[in-house]
Protein backbone atom coordinates (compact mmCIF):
# COMPACT_ATOMS: atom_id res chain seq x y z
CA MET A 1 215.94 84.42 294.49
CA LEU A 2 214.05 82.71 291.60
CA ILE A 3 211.05 82.77 293.67
CA PRO A 4 208.36 86.03 293.07
CA GLN A 5 208.68 87.99 296.14
CA GLU A 6 204.97 87.73 296.52
CA ASN A 7 205.30 83.99 297.16
CA ILE A 8 207.34 83.97 299.24
CA GLU A 9 206.18 84.33 302.32
CA ALA A 10 203.71 81.09 300.94
CA VAL A 11 206.49 79.40 300.29
CA THR A 12 208.17 79.87 303.96
CA ARG A 13 205.25 78.49 305.66
CA ALA A 14 205.13 75.70 302.90
CA LEU A 15 208.52 74.94 304.32
CA ARG A 16 208.01 74.90 307.72
CA GLU A 17 204.69 73.12 307.59
CA ALA A 18 206.01 70.28 305.27
CA PHE A 19 209.76 70.11 307.28
CA GLY A 20 209.44 72.23 309.87
CA VAL A 21 212.47 74.17 308.20
CA THR A 22 211.90 78.28 307.15
CA GLU A 23 214.90 77.95 303.48
CA PHE A 24 215.52 75.23 300.99
CA GLU A 25 219.32 74.60 300.37
CA ASN A 26 218.94 74.95 296.87
CA VAL A 27 216.26 75.96 294.42
CA VAL A 28 216.62 75.57 290.20
CA ARG A 29 213.88 76.37 288.09
CA ILE A 30 212.39 73.78 285.71
CA THR A 31 210.40 74.96 282.56
CA ARG A 32 210.02 72.07 280.85
CA GLY A 33 207.00 70.25 280.05
CA HIS A 34 205.60 73.90 279.28
CA THR A 35 203.16 74.57 282.36
CA PRO A 36 202.32 77.92 283.45
CA SER A 37 202.80 77.70 286.93
CA LEU A 38 205.90 77.71 288.45
CA VAL A 39 208.22 74.84 288.88
CA PHE A 40 211.22 74.34 290.72
CA ARG A 41 213.45 71.65 291.53
CA ILE A 42 214.71 72.46 295.48
CA VAL A 43 216.97 70.78 298.13
CA VAL A 44 215.68 70.77 301.95
CA GLN A 45 217.73 68.61 304.61
CA GLY A 46 219.75 67.25 301.91
CA SER A 47 217.07 65.34 299.77
CA PRO A 48 215.04 66.75 296.16
CA TYR A 49 211.43 67.96 296.15
CA LEU A 50 209.30 69.91 293.65
CA LEU A 51 207.95 72.37 294.35
CA LYS A 52 205.42 73.80 292.43
CA ILE A 53 203.29 77.54 292.28
CA ILE A 54 200.01 77.61 290.36
CA THR A 55 199.81 81.57 288.56
CA ARG A 56 195.96 80.69 287.36
CA ALA A 57 193.27 81.87 288.29
CA GLU A 58 191.79 78.97 289.79
CA ASP A 59 190.72 76.93 292.68
CA PRO A 60 193.26 73.63 292.49
CA SER A 61 191.48 71.57 294.97
CA ARG A 62 191.05 69.45 292.60
CA HIS A 63 194.19 69.19 291.07
CA TYR A 64 195.25 68.36 294.93
CA GLY A 65 193.10 66.03 295.80
CA CYS A 66 193.32 63.60 292.28
CA MET A 67 197.08 64.02 293.07
CA LYS A 68 196.80 62.87 296.65
CA ALA A 69 194.63 60.38 295.19
CA ALA A 70 197.25 59.32 293.36
CA ALA A 71 200.14 59.25 295.60
CA ASP A 72 198.44 57.36 298.00
CA ALA A 73 197.86 54.40 295.41
CA GLY A 74 201.40 54.37 294.27
CA VAL A 75 200.63 55.87 290.77
CA ALA A 76 202.32 59.58 291.37
CA PRO A 77 204.84 60.68 293.77
CA ARG A 78 204.41 61.12 297.77
CA VAL A 79 202.52 64.37 298.42
CA ARG A 80 204.38 66.42 300.91
CA TYR A 81 202.41 69.48 300.80
CA THR A 82 199.42 71.30 299.32
CA ASN A 83 197.62 74.66 300.27
CA SER A 84 194.77 75.47 297.69
CA GLY A 85 194.63 79.42 299.40
CA ASP A 86 198.39 79.97 298.54
CA LYS A 87 198.40 77.61 294.84
CA ILE A 88 201.36 75.80 296.06
CA SER A 89 202.54 72.01 296.64
CA ILE A 90 205.41 70.31 297.45
CA THR A 91 205.64 66.25 296.13
CA ASP A 92 209.01 64.08 296.00
CA PHE A 93 211.45 64.91 292.82
CA VAL A 94 211.56 61.89 290.01
CA GLU A 95 215.47 61.90 289.57
CA ALA A 96 214.04 60.54 285.48
CA ALA A 97 215.88 58.03 283.89
CA PRO A 98 215.57 57.06 280.54
CA LEU A 99 212.43 54.90 279.12
CA ALA A 100 213.18 52.48 276.45
CA VAL A 101 209.70 52.18 274.17
CA ALA A 102 209.41 48.75 274.72
CA GLU A 103 209.55 48.42 278.68
CA ALA A 104 207.01 51.58 278.37
CA ARG A 105 205.06 49.40 276.07
CA VAL A 106 204.88 46.82 279.38
CA ARG A 107 205.03 49.17 282.86
CA LEU A 108 202.17 51.72 281.33
CA PRO A 109 199.30 49.90 281.31
CA ALA A 110 199.82 48.67 284.51
CA VAL A 111 199.56 51.88 285.98
CA LEU A 112 196.76 52.96 284.43
CA ARG A 113 194.95 50.00 286.02
CA ALA A 114 195.92 50.80 288.72
CA LEU A 115 194.89 55.15 288.27
CA HIS A 116 191.88 53.91 286.62
CA ALA A 117 190.78 51.43 289.39
CA LEU A 118 190.79 54.72 292.02
CA PRO A 119 187.44 55.98 293.57
CA PRO A 120 185.67 58.90 291.06
CA PHE A 121 187.69 61.92 291.18
CA ALA A 122 186.34 65.44 291.58
CA LYS A 123 184.84 66.37 288.25
CA ALA A 124 186.39 69.08 286.05
CA PRO A 125 184.75 72.25 284.77
CA PHE A 126 186.83 71.51 281.82
CA ASN A 127 187.49 68.49 278.87
CA THR A 128 191.02 69.09 277.27
CA THR A 129 190.84 66.18 275.91
CA CYS A 130 189.62 63.43 272.90
CA THR A 131 185.86 62.96 274.69
CA PHE A 132 185.48 66.56 274.55
CA LEU A 133 184.07 66.18 270.78
CA LEU A 134 181.62 63.63 273.22
CA HIS A 135 180.34 66.16 275.77
CA LYS A 136 177.36 67.96 274.29
CA GLY A 137 175.22 67.76 277.76
CA PRO A 138 175.90 71.03 279.91
CA GLY A 139 178.23 71.04 282.84
CA LEU A 140 181.41 72.50 281.02
CA ASP A 141 182.16 76.20 282.12
CA THR A 142 185.17 77.16 281.19
CA GLY A 143 186.06 77.96 277.63
CA PRO A 144 184.21 77.34 274.55
CA ALA A 145 180.95 75.06 274.45
CA LEU A 146 181.81 72.24 271.66
CA ASP A 147 179.66 73.54 268.81
CA GLU A 148 181.31 76.84 269.21
CA TYR A 149 184.71 75.24 268.85
CA LEU A 150 183.28 73.55 265.88
CA GLN A 151 181.60 76.33 264.45
CA ARG A 152 185.03 78.43 265.05
CA PHE A 153 187.40 75.51 263.57
CA ARG A 154 185.24 74.91 260.68
CA ALA A 155 184.99 79.12 260.12
CA ALA A 156 188.82 78.99 259.94
CA ASN A 157 189.48 77.10 256.62
CA ILE A 158 192.28 75.81 258.12
CA LEU A 159 191.15 72.66 256.16
CA PRO A 160 191.42 72.39 252.26
CA ALA A 161 186.61 72.41 251.81
CA ALA A 162 186.71 69.00 250.62
CA ALA A 163 189.23 67.45 253.86
CA SER A 164 186.57 69.29 255.87
CA GLU A 165 183.85 67.75 255.03
CA GLU A 166 185.79 65.21 255.70
CA PHE A 167 186.49 65.54 259.00
CA PHE A 168 183.03 66.35 260.04
CA ALA A 169 181.87 63.37 258.46
CA ARG A 170 184.21 61.44 260.90
CA TYR A 171 182.89 63.38 263.50
CA ALA A 172 179.54 62.82 263.08
CA GLU A 173 180.12 59.03 262.93
CA LEU A 174 182.15 58.56 266.12
CA ALA A 175 179.81 60.89 268.17
CA GLU A 176 176.73 58.78 266.56
CA VAL A 177 178.28 55.28 267.93
CA TYR A 178 180.64 56.07 270.91
CA PRO A 179 179.03 55.95 274.03
CA TYR A 180 180.12 58.32 276.55
CA GLY A 181 179.22 58.41 279.89
CA ASP A 182 178.51 54.65 280.90
CA HIS A 183 180.48 52.73 283.02
CA GLU A 184 183.71 52.89 281.72
CA MET A 185 184.37 56.33 282.72
CA VAL A 186 186.73 56.10 285.54
CA SER A 187 189.88 58.81 287.43
CA SER A 188 191.62 59.57 284.80
CA HIS A 189 195.14 61.37 284.21
CA ASN A 190 193.87 62.78 280.74
CA ASP A 191 197.57 64.47 280.12
CA LEU A 192 199.21 61.39 278.81
CA LEU A 193 200.33 63.62 275.27
CA LYS A 194 203.21 64.73 277.12
CA PRO A 195 205.79 62.06 277.43
CA ASP A 196 207.34 64.75 280.35
CA ASN A 197 204.16 63.52 282.44
CA ILE A 198 205.77 59.42 282.54
CA VAL A 199 208.35 59.71 284.17
CA PHE A 200 210.59 56.52 285.29
CA ASP A 201 213.14 56.19 288.34
CA GLY A 202 214.69 53.14 286.37
CA LYS A 203 212.43 51.01 288.89
CA ARG A 204 208.84 52.22 288.68
CA VAL A 205 206.64 54.00 286.39
CA TRP A 206 205.40 57.84 287.85
CA LEU A 207 202.62 59.73 286.45
CA VAL A 208 203.34 63.61 287.48
CA ASP A 209 201.53 67.12 286.20
CA TRP A 210 197.48 66.14 287.67
CA GLU A 211 195.85 69.56 286.78
CA ALA A 212 193.78 67.74 283.33
CA ALA A 213 192.52 64.75 286.09
CA PHE A 214 189.33 64.34 285.76
CA PRO A 215 186.56 61.04 285.77
CA ASN A 216 186.86 60.16 281.55
CA ASP A 217 186.10 57.30 279.51
CA ARG A 218 189.00 54.77 280.53
CA TYR A 219 189.91 54.24 276.64
CA ALA A 220 191.20 57.63 276.50
CA ASP A 221 194.46 57.11 278.87
CA LEU A 222 195.11 54.19 276.77
CA ALA A 223 194.37 55.36 273.58
CA VAL A 224 196.85 58.62 274.31
CA ALA A 225 199.44 56.93 275.79
CA ALA A 226 199.52 53.80 273.11
CA ASN A 227 199.98 57.01 270.53
CA HIS A 228 204.03 56.30 271.99
CA VAL A 229 204.29 53.48 272.11
CA VAL A 230 202.31 50.89 270.08
CA THR A 231 202.71 50.61 266.95
CA ASN A 232 200.80 47.44 265.10
CA GLU A 233 198.15 45.27 266.27
CA GLU A 234 200.52 42.52 267.87
CA GLU A 235 202.14 44.98 270.22
CA GLU A 236 198.02 46.87 270.81
CA ALA A 237 196.67 43.20 271.59
CA ALA A 238 199.84 42.99 273.92
CA TYR A 239 198.93 46.39 275.31
CA LEU A 240 195.13 45.49 275.99
CA ALA A 241 196.19 42.49 277.62
CA ALA A 242 198.60 44.19 279.86
CA TYR A 243 195.80 46.28 281.17
CA PHE A 244 192.67 44.11 281.54
CA GLY A 245 194.63 40.58 282.72
CA ALA A 246 193.44 39.02 279.76
CA PRO A 247 193.77 39.08 275.98
CA PRO A 248 191.17 41.47 275.02
CA ASP A 249 188.13 40.67 273.41
CA ALA A 250 186.35 42.01 270.25
CA TYR A 251 184.35 45.13 271.47
CA GLN A 252 187.41 45.86 273.74
CA ARG A 253 189.58 46.37 271.11
CA ALA A 254 186.94 47.70 268.61
CA ARG A 255 186.41 50.33 271.23
CA PHE A 256 190.05 51.44 272.17
CA HIS A 257 190.22 51.47 267.94
CA LEU A 258 187.42 54.04 267.97
CA MET A 259 188.58 56.23 270.64
CA GLN A 260 191.91 56.51 269.07
CA GLN A 261 190.32 58.30 265.66
CA LEU A 262 187.95 60.15 268.04
CA ALA A 263 191.90 61.34 269.92
CA HIS A 264 193.26 61.89 265.93
CA LEU A 265 190.39 64.07 264.86
CA PHE A 266 190.47 65.71 268.33
CA TYR A 267 194.46 66.47 268.22
CA ALA A 268 194.06 67.05 264.11
CA MET A 269 191.68 70.27 265.39
CA ALA A 270 192.91 71.13 268.35
CA PHE A 271 196.34 71.43 266.91
CA LEU A 272 195.71 72.95 263.78
CA TYR A 273 193.70 75.72 264.82
CA LEU A 274 196.88 76.44 267.36
CA GLY A 275 199.33 76.02 264.99
CA ALA A 276 197.73 78.77 262.83
CA MET A 277 196.27 80.95 264.94
CA GLY A 278 194.67 83.55 262.27
CA ARG A 279 196.77 82.12 259.33
CA THR A 280 196.06 80.25 256.23
CA ALA A 281 197.14 76.99 257.64
CA ASP A 282 200.56 75.27 255.50
CA TRP A 283 199.79 72.13 254.00
CA SER A 284 202.81 71.61 251.45
CA GLY A 285 206.03 69.16 252.35
CA THR A 286 206.00 65.95 253.56
CA VAL A 287 203.98 65.22 256.70
CA PRO A 288 206.05 63.03 259.04
CA GLU A 289 205.02 59.13 259.89
CA PHE A 290 203.33 58.78 262.82
CA ALA A 291 205.39 56.14 264.78
CA GLU A 292 208.03 57.78 264.00
CA TYR A 293 207.02 61.45 265.35
CA HIS A 294 205.72 59.69 268.46
CA ARG A 295 208.98 58.52 268.70
CA ARG A 296 211.10 61.57 268.45
CA MET A 297 208.71 63.15 270.91
CA TRP A 298 209.83 59.97 273.73
CA ALA A 299 212.99 61.72 273.28
CA GLY A 300 212.29 64.77 274.01
CA GLU A 301 212.64 65.76 270.68
CA VAL A 302 209.50 67.41 269.31
CA ASP A 303 208.46 71.03 270.97
CA LEU A 304 205.02 71.29 270.62
CA ALA A 305 205.33 75.19 272.06
CA ASP A 306 206.30 75.88 268.21
CA LYS A 307 203.61 77.35 266.54
CA ASP A 308 204.68 75.44 263.39
CA VAL A 309 204.94 71.96 264.98
CA LYS A 310 201.53 72.64 266.50
CA ALA A 311 200.81 72.67 262.51
CA VAL A 312 202.78 69.72 262.18
CA TYR A 313 201.61 67.70 264.67
CA GLY A 314 198.50 68.21 263.99
CA ARG A 315 198.71 67.06 260.38
CA VAL A 316 200.42 63.75 261.59
CA HIS A 317 197.08 63.19 263.20
CA TRP A 318 195.53 64.09 259.97
CA GLU A 319 196.52 61.52 257.97
CA ARG A 320 196.48 59.08 260.63
CA LEU A 321 192.89 59.48 260.98
CA LEU A 322 192.72 59.32 256.76
CA HIS A 323 195.01 56.48 256.30
CA ASN A 324 192.65 54.29 259.83
CA VAL A 325 189.10 54.77 258.59
CA ARG A 326 189.62 53.51 255.27
CA GLN A 327 190.61 50.28 256.75
CA PRO A 328 188.47 47.88 256.63
CA ARG A 329 188.65 47.70 260.86
CA TYR A 330 187.59 50.78 261.18
CA ARG A 331 183.79 49.81 260.02
CA GLU A 332 184.80 46.79 262.28
CA ALA A 333 185.14 48.87 264.93
CA LEU A 334 181.90 51.11 264.19
CA ALA A 335 179.67 47.99 263.69
CA ILE A 336 180.66 46.08 266.75
CA VAL A 337 180.48 49.61 269.05
CA ALA A 338 177.07 50.41 267.80
CA GLN A 339 175.25 46.39 267.84
CA ARG A 340 176.87 46.72 271.88
CA ARG A 341 175.53 50.57 272.57
CA ALA A 342 171.41 49.30 270.78
CA ALA A 343 171.33 45.68 272.80
């Protein structure tokens, strides 16, 4: 039996309440996605469903509420059952079909637009996105606070001295200019770094795995998803036009660009830290090119569960940041957003 003994009673209850039966016809454990939860493809009355058992010590009520709202909007698969006490959910199972990057670049903005138009999600006691670097006030009670995390990162000496100085200089100027917490806060998925969370069934795109969902700056989802599908400014303009329903203005493009740099900064810090895990970071070797590396991620060829891969991915973002902040567009974006913020 793949279902742990301690969960059998709760799963039986879920099957009874959702489908009027007490057994499934088939069950297969799903291990991709690197979630600590137990995830299964089950077959009930001839149809496939996704059974998820959360194993962490947390209340999944916010997670389930966000997932149901997204499902009602046609952004997530249909929810058949949730029980916060048992930490169990059952949703429709989406049989994944290949999704070309060019097609994803067209489809994803519409999905994000629908998601971001939803009524506000419940707030979360954590922030695992790049906007964590902007959250200076109270309200997060899970994990280290921003200042503590930055101090840990500096003390770990993961970056060479000159690179560390640049890291904190770029962090300071982005945090000073970017207007976090304004009218751009929307219901967000917040975990589109993982291509596994973007599923195509051959006809439409679904977003799955809503554990990290909470209100966030709309540009966070936009920027992180764009890492996989946008490779130049022409594609960026089309991507943003599809999202906004009109060609993006100078402020929208500037704000998007700064969020991209914030994401590079955050993921460089997070993945270099996770990849090092007490070791001196290895700065030898050639760093993979950003777009090519994300093409490989999109194709499922990169396993971020591996510590060495984490370290490489951190360097990929660091090198991308260094390139971008040396281009005229970066200073122009800072000036445009700073001027709007001052006004």
